[in-house]
PDBML (XML) file of the C-alpha atoms, coordinates in Angstrom:
<?xml version="1.0" encoding="UTF-8" ?>
<PDBx:datablock datablockName="MODEL"
   xmlns:PDBx="http://pdbml.pdb.org/schema/pdbx-v50.xsd"
   xmlns:xsi="http://www.w3.org/2001/XMLSchema-instance"
   xsi:schemaLocation="http://pdbml.pdb.org/schema/pdbx-v50.xsd pdbx-v50.xsd">
   <PDBx:atom_siteCategory>
      <PDBx:atom_site id="1">
         <PDBx:B_iso_or_equiv>0.00</PDBx:B_iso_or_equiv>
         <PDBx:Cartn_x>92.051</PDBx:Cartn_x>
         <PDBx:Cartn_y>87.418</PDBx:Cartn_y>
         <PDBx:Cartn_z>121.290</PDBx:Cartn_z>
         <PDBx:auth_asym_id>A</PDBx:auth_asym_id>
         <PDBx:auth_atom_id>CA</PDBx:auth_atom_id>
         <PDBx:auth_comp_id>HIS</PDBx:auth_comp_id>
         <PDBx:auth_seq_id>1</PDBx:auth_seq_id>
         <PDBx:group_PDB>ATOM</PDBx:group_PDB>
         <PDBx:label_alt_id xsi:nil="true" />
         <PDBx:label_asym_id>A</PDBx:label_asym_id>
         <PDBx:label_atom_id>CA</PDBx:label_atom_id>
         <PDBx:label_comp_id>HIS</PDBx:label_comp_id>
         <PDBx:label_entity_id>1</PDBx:label_entity_id>
         <PDBx:label_seq_id>1</PDBx:label_seq_id>
         <PDBx:occupancy>1.00</PDBx:occupancy>
         <PDBx:pdbx_PDB_model_num>1</PDBx:pdbx_PDB_model_num>
         <PDBx:type_symbol>C</PDBx:type_symbol>
      </PDBx:atom_site>
      <PDBx:atom_site id="2">
         <PDBx:B_iso_or_equiv>0.00</PDBx:B_iso_or_equiv>
         <PDBx:Cartn_x>93.675</PDBx:Cartn_x>
         <PDBx:Cartn_y>90.708</PDBx:Cartn_y>
         <PDBx:Cartn_z>120.297</PDBx:Cartn_z>
         <PDBx:auth_asym_id>A</PDBx:auth_asym_id>
         <PDBx:auth_atom_id>CA</PDBx:auth_atom_id>
         <PDBx:auth_comp_id>PHE</PDBx:auth_comp_id>
         <PDBx:auth_seq_id>2</PDBx:auth_seq_id>
         <PDBx:group_PDB>ATOM</PDBx:group_PDB>
         <PDBx:label_alt_id xsi:nil="true" />
         <PDBx:label_asym_id>A</PDBx:label_asym_id>
         <PDBx:label_atom_id>CA</PDBx:label_atom_id>
         <PDBx:label_comp_id>PHE</PDBx:label_comp_id>
         <PDBx:label_entity_id>1</PDBx:label_entity_id>
         <PDBx:label_seq_id>2</PDBx:label_seq_id>
         <PDBx:occupancy>1.00</PDBx:occupancy>
         <PDBx:pdbx_PDB_model_num>1</PDBx:pdbx_PDB_model_num>
         <PDBx:type_symbol>C</PDBx:type_symbol>
      </PDBx:atom_site>
      <PDBx:atom_site id="3">
         <PDBx:B_iso_or_equiv>0.00</PDBx:B_iso_or_equiv>
         <PDBx:Cartn_x>96.558</PDBx:Cartn_x>
         <PDBx:Cartn_y>91.044</PDBx:Cartn_y>
         <PDBx:Cartn_z>117.859</PDBx:Cartn_z>
         <PDBx:auth_asym_id>A</PDBx:auth_asym_id>
         <PDBx:auth_atom_id>CA</PDBx:auth_atom_id>
         <PDBx:auth_comp_id>VAL</PDBx:auth_comp_id>
         <PDBx:auth_seq_id>3</PDBx:auth_seq_id>
         <PDBx:group_PDB>ATOM</PDBx:group_PDB>
         <PDBx:label_alt_id xsi:nil="true" />
         <PDBx:label_asym_id>A</PDBx:label_asym_id>
         <PDBx:label_atom_id>CA</PDBx:label_atom_id>
         <PDBx:label_comp_id>VAL</PDBx:label_comp_id>
         <PDBx:label_entity_id>1</PDBx:label_entity_id>
         <PDBx:label_seq_id>3</PDBx:label_seq_id>
         <PDBx:occupancy>1.00</PDBx:occupancy>
         <PDBx:pdbx_PDB_model_num>1</PDBx:pdbx_PDB_model_num>
         <PDBx:type_symbol>C</PDBx:type_symbol>
      </PDBx:atom_site>
      <PDBx:atom_site id="4">
         <PDBx:B_iso_or_equiv>0.00</PDBx:B_iso_or_equiv>
         <PDBx:Cartn_x>98.595</PDBx:Cartn_x>
         <PDBx:Cartn_y>94.238</PDBx:Cartn_y>
         <PDBx:Cartn_z>118.109</PDBx:Cartn_z>
         <PDBx:auth_asym_id>A</PDBx:auth_asym_id>
         <PDBx:auth_atom_id>CA</PDBx:auth_atom_id>
         <PDBx:auth_comp_id>ALA</PDBx:auth_comp_id>
         <PDBx:auth_seq_id>4</PDBx:auth_seq_id>
         <PDBx:group_PDB>ATOM</PDBx:group_PDB>
         <PDBx:label_alt_id xsi:nil="true" />
         <PDBx:label_asym_id>A</PDBx:label_asym_id>
         <PDBx:label_atom_id>CA</PDBx:label_atom_id>
         <PDBx:label_comp_id>ALA</PDBx:label_comp_id>
         <PDBx:label_entity_id>1</PDBx:label_entity_id>
         <PDBx:label_seq_id>4</PDBx:label_seq_id>
         <PDBx:occupancy>1.00</PDBx:occupancy>
         <PDBx:pdbx_PDB_model_num>1</PDBx:pdbx_PDB_model_num>
         <PDBx:type_symbol>C</PDBx:type_symbol>
      </PDBx:atom_site>
      <PDBx:atom_site id="5">
         <PDBx:B_iso_or_equiv>0.00</PDBx:B_iso_or_equiv>
         <PDBx:Cartn_x>99.977</PDBx:Cartn_x>
         <PDBx:Cartn_y>95.009</PDBx:Cartn_y>
         <PDBx:Cartn_z>114.652</PDBx:Cartn_z>
         <PDBx:auth_asym_id>A</PDBx:auth_asym_id>
         <PDBx:auth_atom_id>CA</PDBx:auth_atom_id>
         <PDBx:auth_comp_id>ALA</PDBx:auth_comp_id>
         <PDBx:auth_seq_id>5</PDBx:auth_seq_id>
         <PDBx:group_PDB>ATOM</PDBx:group_PDB>
         <PDBx:label_alt_id xsi:nil="true" />
         <PDBx:label_asym_id>A</PDBx:label_asym_id>
         <PDBx:label_atom_id>CA</PDBx:label_atom_id>
         <PDBx:label_comp_id>ALA</PDBx:label_comp_id>
         <PDBx:label_entity_id>1</PDBx:label_entity_id>
         <PDBx:label_seq_id>5</PDBx:label_seq_id>
         <PDBx:occupancy>1.00</PDBx:occupancy>
         <PDBx:pdbx_PDB_model_num>1</PDBx:pdbx_PDB_model_num>
         <PDBx:type_symbol>C</PDBx:type_symbol>
      </PDBx:atom_site>
      <PDBx:atom_site id="6">
         <PDBx:B_iso_or_equiv>0.00</PDBx:B_iso_or_equiv>
         <PDBx:Cartn_x>102.811</PDBx:Cartn_x>
         <PDBx:Cartn_y>97.526</PDBx:Cartn_y>
         <PDBx:Cartn_z>114.432</PDBx:Cartn_z>
         <PDBx:auth_asym_id>A</PDBx:auth_asym_id>
         <PDBx:auth_atom_id>CA</PDBx:auth_atom_id>
         <PDBx:auth_comp_id>THR</PDBx:auth_comp_id>
         <PDBx:auth_seq_id>6</PDBx:auth_seq_id>
         <PDBx:group_PDB>ATOM</PDBx:group_PDB>
         <PDBx:label_alt_id xsi:nil="true" />
         <PDBx:label_asym_id>A</PDBx:label_asym_id>
         <PDBx:label_atom_id>CA</PDBx:label_atom_id>
         <PDBx:label_comp_id>THR</PDBx:label_comp_id>
         <PDBx:label_entity_id>1</PDBx:label_entity_id>
         <PDBx:label_seq_id>6</PDBx:label_seq_id>
         <PDBx:occupancy>1.00</PDBx:occupancy>
         <PDBx:pdbx_PDB_model_num>1</PDBx:pdbx_PDB_model_num>
         <PDBx:type_symbol>C</PDBx:type_symbol>
      </PDBx:atom_site>
      <PDBx:atom_site id="7">
         <PDBx:B_iso_or_equiv>0.00</PDBx:B_iso_or_equiv>
         <PDBx:Cartn_x>105.330</PDBx:Cartn_x>
         <PDBx:Cartn_y>98.785</PDBx:Cartn_y>
         <PDBx:Cartn_z>111.933</PDBx:Cartn_z>
         <PDBx:auth_asym_id>A</PDBx:auth_asym_id>
         <PDBx:auth_atom_id>CA</PDBx:auth_atom_id>
         <PDBx:auth_comp_id>ASN</PDBx:auth_comp_id>
         <PDBx:auth_seq_id>7</PDBx:auth_seq_id>
         <PDBx:group_PDB>ATOM</PDBx:group_PDB>
         <PDBx:label_alt_id xsi:nil="true" />
         <PDBx:label_asym_id>A</PDBx:label_asym_id>
         <PDBx:label_atom_id>CA</PDBx:label_atom_id>
         <PDBx:label_comp_id>ASN</PDBx:label_comp_id>
         <PDBx:label_entity_id>1</PDBx:label_entity_id>
         <PDBx:label_seq_id>7</PDBx:label_seq_id>
         <PDBx:occupancy>1.00</PDBx:occupancy>
         <PDBx:pdbx_PDB_model_num>1</PDBx:pdbx_PDB_model_num>
         <PDBx:type_symbol>C</PDBx:type_symbol>
      </PDBx:atom_site>
      <PDBx:atom_site id="8">
         <PDBx:B_iso_or_equiv>0.00</PDBx:B_iso_or_equiv>
         <PDBx:Cartn_x>109.025</PDBx:Cartn_x>
         <PDBx:Cartn_y>99.104</PDBx:Cartn_y>
         <PDBx:Cartn_z>112.841</PDBx:Cartn_z>
         <PDBx:auth_asym_id>A</PDBx:auth_asym_id>
         <PDBx:auth_atom_id>CA</PDBx:auth_atom_id>
         <PDBx:auth_comp_id>ALA</PDBx:auth_comp_id>
         <PDBx:auth_seq_id>8</PDBx:auth_seq_id>
         <PDBx:group_PDB>ATOM</PDBx:group_PDB>
         <PDBx:label_alt_id xsi:nil="true" />
         <PDBx:label_asym_id>A</PDBx:label_asym_id>
         <PDBx:label_atom_id>CA</PDBx:label_atom_id>
         <PDBx:label_comp_id>ALA</PDBx:label_comp_id>
         <PDBx:label_entity_id>1</PDBx:label_entity_id>
         <PDBx:label_seq_id>8</PDBx:label_seq_id>
         <PDBx:occupancy>1.00</PDBx:occupancy>
         <PDBx:pdbx_PDB_model_num>1</PDBx:pdbx_PDB_model_num>
         <PDBx:type_symbol>C</PDBx:type_symbol>
      </PDBx:atom_site>
      <PDBx:atom_site id="9">
         <PDBx:B_iso_or_equiv>0.00</PDBx:B_iso_or_equiv>
         <PDBx:Cartn_x>107.964</PDBx:Cartn_x>
         <PDBx:Cartn_y>100.918</PDBx:Cartn_y>
         <PDBx:Cartn_z>116.028</PDBx:Cartn_z>
         <PDBx:auth_asym_id>A</PDBx:auth_asym_id>
         <PDBx:auth_atom_id>CA</PDBx:auth_atom_id>
         <PDBx:auth_comp_id>ASN</PDBx:auth_comp_id>
         <PDBx:auth_seq_id>9</PDBx:auth_seq_id>
         <PDBx:group_PDB>ATOM</PDBx:group_PDB>
         <PDBx:label_alt_id xsi:nil="true" />
         <PDBx:label_asym_id>A</PDBx:label_asym_id>
         <PDBx:label_atom_id>CA</PDBx:label_atom_id>
         <PDBx:label_comp_id>ASN</PDBx:label_comp_id>
         <PDBx:label_entity_id>1</PDBx:label_entity_id>
         <PDBx:label_seq_id>9</PDBx:label_seq_id>
         <PDBx:occupancy>1.00</PDBx:occupancy>
         <PDBx:pdbx_PDB_model_num>1</PDBx:pdbx_PDB_model_num>
         <PDBx:type_symbol>C</PDBx:type_symbol>
      </PDBx:atom_site>
      <PDBx:atom_site id="10">
         <PDBx:B_iso_or_equiv>0.00</PDBx:B_iso_or_equiv>
         <PDBx:Cartn_x>107.482</PDBx:Cartn_x>
         <PDBx:Cartn_y>97.612</PDBx:Cartn_y>
         <PDBx:Cartn_z>117.832</PDBx:Cartn_z>
         <PDBx:auth_asym_id>A</PDBx:auth_asym_id>
         <PDBx:auth_atom_id>CA</PDBx:auth_atom_id>
         <PDBx:auth_comp_id>ASP</PDBx:auth_comp_id>
         <PDBx:auth_seq_id>10</PDBx:auth_seq_id>
         <PDBx:group_PDB>ATOM</PDBx:group_PDB>
         <PDBx:label_alt_id xsi:nil="true" />
         <PDBx:label_asym_id>A</PDBx:label_asym_id>
         <PDBx:label_atom_id>CA</PDBx:label_atom_id>
         <PDBx:label_comp_id>ASP</PDBx:label_comp_id>
         <PDBx:label_entity_id>1</PDBx:label_entity_id>
         <PDBx:label_seq_id>10</PDBx:label_seq_id>
         <PDBx:occupancy>1.00</PDBx:occupancy>
         <PDBx:pdbx_PDB_model_num>1</PDBx:pdbx_PDB_model_num>
         <PDBx:type_symbol>C</PDBx:type_symbol>
      </PDBx:atom_site>
      <PDBx:atom_site id="11">
         <PDBx:B_iso_or_equiv>0.00</PDBx:B_iso_or_equiv>
         <PDBx:Cartn_x>107.957</PDBx:Cartn_x>
         <PDBx:Cartn_y>98.501</PDBx:Cartn_y>
         <PDBx:Cartn_z>121.508</PDBx:Cartn_z>
         <PDBx:auth_asym_id>A</PDBx:auth_asym_id>
         <PDBx:auth_atom_id>CA</PDBx:auth_atom_id>
         <PDBx:auth_comp_id>VAL</PDBx:auth_comp_id>
         <PDBx:auth_seq_id>11</PDBx:auth_seq_id>
         <PDBx:group_PDB>ATOM</PDBx:group_PDB>
         <PDBx:label_alt_id xsi:nil="true" />
         <PDBx:label_asym_id>A</PDBx:label_asym_id>
         <PDBx:label_atom_id>CA</PDBx:label_atom_id>
         <PDBx:label_comp_id>VAL</PDBx:label_comp_id>
         <PDBx:label_entity_id>1</PDBx:label_entity_id>
         <PDBx:label_seq_id>11</PDBx:label_seq_id>
         <PDBx:occupancy>1.00</PDBx:occupancy>
         <PDBx:pdbx_PDB_model_num>1</PDBx:pdbx_PDB_model_num>
         <PDBx:type_symbol>C</PDBx:type_symbol>
      </PDBx:atom_site>
      <PDBx:atom_site id="12">
         <PDBx:B_iso_or_equiv>0.00</PDBx:B_iso_or_equiv>
         <PDBx:Cartn_x>104.809</PDBx:Cartn_x>
         <PDBx:Cartn_y>96.667</PDBx:Cartn_y>
         <PDBx:Cartn_z>122.643</PDBx:Cartn_z>
         <PDBx:auth_asym_id>A</PDBx:auth_asym_id>
         <PDBx:auth_atom_id>CA</PDBx:auth_atom_id>
         <PDBx:auth_comp_id>VAL</PDBx:auth_comp_id>
         <PDBx:auth_seq_id>12</PDBx:auth_seq_id>
         <PDBx:group_PDB>ATOM</PDBx:group_PDB>
         <PDBx:label_alt_id xsi:nil="true" />
         <PDBx:label_asym_id>A</PDBx:label_asym_id>
         <PDBx:label_atom_id>CA</PDBx:label_atom_id>
         <PDBx:label_comp_id>VAL</PDBx:label_comp_id>
         <PDBx:label_entity_id>1</PDBx:label_entity_id>
         <PDBx:label_seq_id>12</PDBx:label_seq_id>
         <PDBx:occupancy>1.00</PDBx:occupancy>
         <PDBx:pdbx_PDB_model_num>1</PDBx:pdbx_PDB_model_num>
         <PDBx:type_symbol>C</PDBx:type_symbol>
      </PDBx:atom_site>
      <PDBx:atom_site id="13">
         <PDBx:B_iso_or_equiv>0.00</PDBx:B_iso_or_equiv>
         <PDBx:Cartn_x>105.295</PDBx:Cartn_x>
         <PDBx:Cartn_y>93.506</PDBx:Cartn_y>
         <PDBx:Cartn_z>120.518</PDBx:Cartn_z>
         <PDBx:auth_asym_id>A</PDBx:auth_asym_id>
         <PDBx:auth_atom_id>CA</PDBx:auth_atom_id>
         <PDBx:auth_comp_id>PRO</PDBx:auth_comp_id>
         <PDBx:auth_seq_id>13</PDBx:auth_seq_id>
         <PDBx:group_PDB>ATOM</PDBx:group_PDB>
         <PDBx:label_alt_id xsi:nil="true" />
         <PDBx:label_asym_id>A</PDBx:label_asym_id>
         <PDBx:label_atom_id>CA</PDBx:label_atom_id>
         <PDBx:label_comp_id>PRO</PDBx:label_comp_id>
         <PDBx:label_entity_id>1</PDBx:label_entity_id>
         <PDBx:label_seq_id>13</PDBx:label_seq_id>
         <PDBx:occupancy>1.00</PDBx:occupancy>
         <PDBx:pdbx_PDB_model_num>1</PDBx:pdbx_PDB_model_num>
         <PDBx:type_symbol>C</PDBx:type_symbol>
      </PDBx:atom_site>
      <PDBx:atom_site id="14">
         <PDBx:B_iso_or_equiv>0.00</PDBx:B_iso_or_equiv>
         <PDBx:Cartn_x>108.811</PDBx:Cartn_x>
         <PDBx:Cartn_y>93.302</PDBx:Cartn_y>
         <PDBx:Cartn_z>121.954</PDBx:Cartn_z>
         <PDBx:auth_asym_id>A</PDBx:auth_asym_id>
         <PDBx:auth_atom_id>CA</PDBx:auth_atom_id>
         <PDBx:auth_comp_id>GLN</PDBx:auth_comp_id>
         <PDBx:auth_seq_id>14</PDBx:auth_seq_id>
         <PDBx:group_PDB>ATOM</PDBx:group_PDB>
         <PDBx:label_alt_id xsi:nil="true" />
         <PDBx:label_asym_id>A</PDBx:label_asym_id>
         <PDBx:label_atom_id>CA</PDBx:label_atom_id>
         <PDBx:label_comp_id>GLN</PDBx:label_comp_id>
         <PDBx:label_entity_id>1</PDBx:label_entity_id>
         <PDBx:label_seq_id>14</PDBx:label_seq_id>
         <PDBx:occupancy>1.00</PDBx:occupancy>
         <PDBx:pdbx_PDB_model_num>1</PDBx:pdbx_PDB_model_num>
         <PDBx:type_symbol>C</PDBx:type_symbol>
      </PDBx:atom_site>
      <PDBx:atom_site id="15">
         <PDBx:B_iso_or_equiv>0.00</PDBx:B_iso_or_equiv>
         <PDBx:Cartn_x>107.413</PDBx:Cartn_x>
         <PDBx:Cartn_y>93.665</PDBx:Cartn_y>
         <PDBx:Cartn_z>125.480</PDBx:Cartn_z>
         <PDBx:auth_asym_id>A</PDBx:auth_asym_id>
         <PDBx:auth_atom_id>CA</PDBx:auth_atom_id>
         <PDBx:auth_comp_id>TYR</PDBx:auth_comp_id>
         <PDBx:auth_seq_id>15</PDBx:auth_seq_id>
         <PDBx:group_PDB>ATOM</PDBx:group_PDB>
         <PDBx:label_alt_id xsi:nil="true" />
         <PDBx:label_asym_id>A</PDBx:label_asym_id>
         <PDBx:label_atom_id>CA</PDBx:label_atom_id>
         <PDBx:label_comp_id>TYR</PDBx:label_comp_id>
         <PDBx:label_entity_id>1</PDBx:label_entity_id>
         <PDBx:label_seq_id>15</PDBx:label_seq_id>
         <PDBx:occupancy>1.00</PDBx:occupancy>
         <PDBx:pdbx_PDB_model_num>1</PDBx:pdbx_PDB_model_num>
         <PDBx:type_symbol>C</PDBx:type_symbol>
      </PDBx:atom_site>
      <PDBx:atom_site id="16">
         <PDBx:B_iso_or_equiv>0.00</PDBx:B_iso_or_equiv>
         <PDBx:Cartn_x>104.878</PDBx:Cartn_x>
         <PDBx:Cartn_y>90.905</PDBx:Cartn_y>
         <PDBx:Cartn_z>124.829</PDBx:Cartn_z>
         <PDBx:auth_asym_id>A</PDBx:auth_asym_id>
         <PDBx:auth_atom_id>CA</PDBx:auth_atom_id>
         <PDBx:auth_comp_id>LEU</PDBx:auth_comp_id>
         <PDBx:auth_seq_id>16</PDBx:auth_seq_id>
         <PDBx:group_PDB>ATOM</PDBx:group_PDB>
         <PDBx:label_alt_id xsi:nil="true" />
         <PDBx:label_asym_id>A</PDBx:label_asym_id>
         <PDBx:label_atom_id>CA</PDBx:label_atom_id>
         <PDBx:label_comp_id>LEU</PDBx:label_comp_id>
         <PDBx:label_entity_id>1</PDBx:label_entity_id>
         <PDBx:label_seq_id>16</PDBx:label_seq_id>
         <PDBx:occupancy>1.00</PDBx:occupancy>
         <PDBx:pdbx_PDB_model_num>1</PDBx:pdbx_PDB_model_num>
         <PDBx:type_symbol>C</PDBx:type_symbol>
      </PDBx:atom_site>
      <PDBx:atom_site id="17">
         <PDBx:B_iso_or_equiv>0.00</PDBx:B_iso_or_equiv>
         <PDBx:Cartn_x>107.733</PDBx:Cartn_x>
         <PDBx:Cartn_y>88.613</PDBx:Cartn_y>
         <PDBx:Cartn_z>123.763</PDBx:Cartn_z>
         <PDBx:auth_asym_id>A</PDBx:auth_asym_id>
         <PDBx:auth_atom_id>CA</PDBx:auth_atom_id>
         <PDBx:auth_comp_id>LYS</PDBx:auth_comp_id>
         <PDBx:auth_seq_id>17</PDBx:auth_seq_id>
         <PDBx:group_PDB>ATOM</PDBx:group_PDB>
         <PDBx:label_alt_id xsi:nil="true" />
         <PDBx:label_asym_id>A</PDBx:label_asym_id>
         <PDBx:label_atom_id>CA</PDBx:label_atom_id>
         <PDBx:label_comp_id>LYS</PDBx:label_comp_id>
         <PDBx:label_entity_id>1</PDBx:label_entity_id>
         <PDBx:label_seq_id>17</PDBx:label_seq_id>
         <PDBx:occupancy>1.00</PDBx:occupancy>
         <PDBx:pdbx_PDB_model_num>1</PDBx:pdbx_PDB_model_num>
         <PDBx:type_symbol>C</PDBx:type_symbol>
      </PDBx:atom_site>
      <PDBx:atom_site id="18">
         <PDBx:B_iso_or_equiv>0.00</PDBx:B_iso_or_equiv>
         <PDBx:Cartn_x>110.245</PDBx:Cartn_x>
         <PDBx:Cartn_y>89.479</PDBx:Cartn_y>
         <PDBx:Cartn_z>126.493</PDBx:Cartn_z>
         <PDBx:auth_asym_id>A</PDBx:auth_asym_id>
         <PDBx:auth_atom_id>CA</PDBx:auth_atom_id>
         <PDBx:auth_comp_id>SER</PDBx:auth_comp_id>
         <PDBx:auth_seq_id>18</PDBx:auth_seq_id>
         <PDBx:group_PDB>ATOM</PDBx:group_PDB>
         <PDBx:label_alt_id xsi:nil="true" />
         <PDBx:label_asym_id>A</PDBx:label_asym_id>
         <PDBx:label_atom_id>CA</PDBx:label_atom_id>
         <PDBx:label_comp_id>SER</PDBx:label_comp_id>
         <PDBx:label_entity_id>1</PDBx:label_entity_id>
         <PDBx:label_seq_id>18</PDBx:label_seq_id>
         <PDBx:occupancy>1.00</PDBx:occupancy>
         <PDBx:pdbx_PDB_model_num>1</PDBx:pdbx_PDB_model_num>
         <PDBx:type_symbol>C</PDBx:type_symbol>
      </PDBx:atom_site>
      <PDBx:atom_site id="19">
         <PDBx:B_iso_or_equiv>0.00</PDBx:B_iso_or_equiv>
         <PDBx:Cartn_x>108.448</PDBx:Cartn_x>
         <PDBx:Cartn_y>91.152</PDBx:Cartn_y>
         <PDBx:Cartn_z>129.391</PDBx:Cartn_z>
         <PDBx:auth_asym_id>A</PDBx:auth_asym_id>
         <PDBx:auth_atom_id>CA</PDBx:auth_atom_id>
         <PDBx:auth_comp_id>GLY</PDBx:auth_comp_id>
         <PDBx:auth_seq_id>19</PDBx:auth_seq_id>
         <PDBx:group_PDB>ATOM</PDBx:group_PDB>
         <PDBx:label_alt_id xsi:nil="true" />
         <PDBx:label_asym_id>A</PDBx:label_asym_id>
         <PDBx:label_atom_id>CA</PDBx:label_atom_id>
         <PDBx:label_comp_id>GLY</PDBx:label_comp_id>
         <PDBx:label_entity_id>1</PDBx:label_entity_id>
         <PDBx:label_seq_id>19</PDBx:label_seq_id>
         <PDBx:occupancy>1.00</PDBx:occupancy>
         <PDBx:pdbx_PDB_model_num>1</PDBx:pdbx_PDB_model_num>
         <PDBx:type_symbol>C</PDBx:type_symbol>
      </PDBx:atom_site>
      <PDBx:atom_site id="20">
         <PDBx:B_iso_or_equiv>0.00</PDBx:B_iso_or_equiv>
         <PDBx:Cartn_x>110.871</PDBx:Cartn_x>
         <PDBx:Cartn_y>94.081</PDBx:Cartn_y>
         <PDBx:Cartn_z>129.064</PDBx:Cartn_z>
         <PDBx:auth_asym_id>A</PDBx:auth_asym_id>
         <PDBx:auth_atom_id>CA</PDBx:auth_atom_id>
         <PDBx:auth_comp_id>ASP</PDBx:auth_comp_id>
         <PDBx:auth_seq_id>20</PDBx:auth_seq_id>
         <PDBx:group_PDB>ATOM</PDBx:group_PDB>
         <PDBx:label_alt_id xsi:nil="true" />
         <PDBx:label_asym_id>A</PDBx:label_asym_id>
         <PDBx:label_atom_id>CA</PDBx:label_atom_id>
         <PDBx:label_comp_id>ASP</PDBx:label_comp_id>
         <PDBx:label_entity_id>1</PDBx:label_entity_id>
         <PDBx:label_seq_id>20</PDBx:label_seq_id>
         <PDBx:occupancy>1.00</PDBx:occupancy>
         <PDBx:pdbx_PDB_model_num>1</PDBx:pdbx_PDB_model_num>
         <PDBx:type_symbol>C</PDBx:type_symbol>
      </PDBx:atom_site>
      <PDBx:atom_site id="21">
         <PDBx:B_iso_or_equiv>0.00</PDBx:B_iso_or_equiv>
         <PDBx:Cartn_x>109.228</PDBx:Cartn_x>
         <PDBx:Cartn_y>97.428</PDBx:Cartn_y>
         <PDBx:Cartn_z>128.230</PDBx:Cartn_z>
         <PDBx:auth_asym_id>A</PDBx:auth_asym_id>
         <PDBx:auth_atom_id>CA</PDBx:auth_atom_id>
         <PDBx:auth_comp_id>TYR</PDBx:auth_comp_id>
         <PDBx:auth_seq_id>21</PDBx:auth_seq_id>
         <PDBx:group_PDB>ATOM</PDBx:group_PDB>
         <PDBx:label_alt_id xsi:nil="true" />
         <PDBx:label_asym_id>A</PDBx:label_asym_id>
         <PDBx:label_atom_id>CA</PDBx:label_atom_id>
         <PDBx:label_comp_id>TYR</PDBx:label_comp_id>
         <PDBx:label_entity_id>1</PDBx:label_entity_id>
         <PDBx:label_seq_id>21</PDBx:label_seq_id>
         <PDBx:occupancy>1.00</PDBx:occupancy>
         <PDBx:pdbx_PDB_model_num>1</PDBx:pdbx_PDB_model_num>
         <PDBx:type_symbol>C</PDBx:type_symbol>
      </PDBx:atom_site>
      <PDBx:atom_site id="22">
         <PDBx:B_iso_or_equiv>0.00</PDBx:B_iso_or_equiv>
         <PDBx:Cartn_x>111.771</PDBx:Cartn_x>
         <PDBx:Cartn_y>99.711</PDBx:Cartn_y>
         <PDBx:Cartn_z>126.554</PDBx:Cartn_z>
         <PDBx:auth_asym_id>A</PDBx:auth_asym_id>
         <PDBx:auth_atom_id>CA</PDBx:auth_atom_id>
         <PDBx:auth_comp_id>GLN</PDBx:auth_comp_id>
         <PDBx:auth_seq_id>22</PDBx:auth_seq_id>
         <PDBx:group_PDB>ATOM</PDBx:group_PDB>
         <PDBx:label_alt_id xsi:nil="true" />
         <PDBx:label_asym_id>A</PDBx:label_asym_id>
         <PDBx:label_atom_id>CA</PDBx:label_atom_id>
         <PDBx:label_comp_id>GLN</PDBx:label_comp_id>
         <PDBx:label_entity_id>1</PDBx:label_entity_id>
         <PDBx:label_seq_id>22</PDBx:label_seq_id>
         <PDBx:occupancy>1.00</PDBx:occupancy>
         <PDBx:pdbx_PDB_model_num>1</PDBx:pdbx_PDB_model_num>
         <PDBx:type_symbol>C</PDBx:type_symbol>
      </PDBx:atom_site>
      <PDBx:atom_site id="23">
         <PDBx:B_iso_or_equiv>0.00</PDBx:B_iso_or_equiv>
         <PDBx:Cartn_x>110.353</PDBx:Cartn_x>
         <PDBx:Cartn_y>102.859</PDBx:Cartn_y>
         <PDBx:Cartn_z>124.910</PDBx:Cartn_z>
         <PDBx:auth_asym_id>A</PDBx:auth_asym_id>
         <PDBx:auth_atom_id>CA</PDBx:auth_atom_id>
         <PDBx:auth_comp_id>PRO</PDBx:auth_comp_id>
         <PDBx:auth_seq_id>23</PDBx:auth_seq_id>
         <PDBx:group_PDB>ATOM</PDBx:group_PDB>
         <PDBx:label_alt_id xsi:nil="true" />
         <PDBx:label_asym_id>A</PDBx:label_asym_id>
         <PDBx:label_atom_id>CA</PDBx:label_atom_id>
         <PDBx:label_comp_id>PRO</PDBx:label_comp_id>
         <PDBx:label_entity_id>1</PDBx:label_entity_id>
         <PDBx:label_seq_id>23</PDBx:label_seq_id>
         <PDBx:occupancy>1.00</PDBx:occupancy>
         <PDBx:pdbx_PDB_model_num>1</PDBx:pdbx_PDB_model_num>
         <PDBx:type_symbol>C</PDBx:type_symbol>
      </PDBx:atom_site>
      <PDBx:atom_site id="24">
         <PDBx:B_iso_or_equiv>0.00</PDBx:B_iso_or_equiv>
         <PDBx:Cartn_x>112.662</PDBx:Cartn_x>
         <PDBx:Cartn_y>104.356</PDBx:Cartn_y>
         <PDBx:Cartn_z>122.307</PDBx:Cartn_z>
         <PDBx:auth_asym_id>A</PDBx:auth_asym_id>
         <PDBx:auth_atom_id>CA</PDBx:auth_atom_id>
         <PDBx:auth_comp_id>ARG</PDBx:auth_comp_id>
         <PDBx:auth_seq_id>24</PDBx:auth_seq_id>
         <PDBx:group_PDB>ATOM</PDBx:group_PDB>
         <PDBx:label_alt_id xsi:nil="true" />
         <PDBx:label_asym_id>A</PDBx:label_asym_id>
         <PDBx:label_atom_id>CA</PDBx:label_atom_id>
         <PDBx:label_comp_id>ARG</PDBx:label_comp_id>
         <PDBx:label_entity_id>1</PDBx:label_entity_id>
         <PDBx:label_seq_id>24</PDBx:label_seq_id>
         <PDBx:occupancy>1.00</PDBx:occupancy>
         <PDBx:pdbx_PDB_model_num>1</PDBx:pdbx_PDB_model_num>
         <PDBx:type_symbol>C</PDBx:type_symbol>
      </PDBx:atom_site>
   </PDBx:atom_siteCategory>
</PDBx:datablock>
């Protein structure tokens, strides 16, 4: 498995949870 570890810039972890990709 891969674990993507981010700081507060969590665009990809949020996508993996919701399916909604929202760059900011």
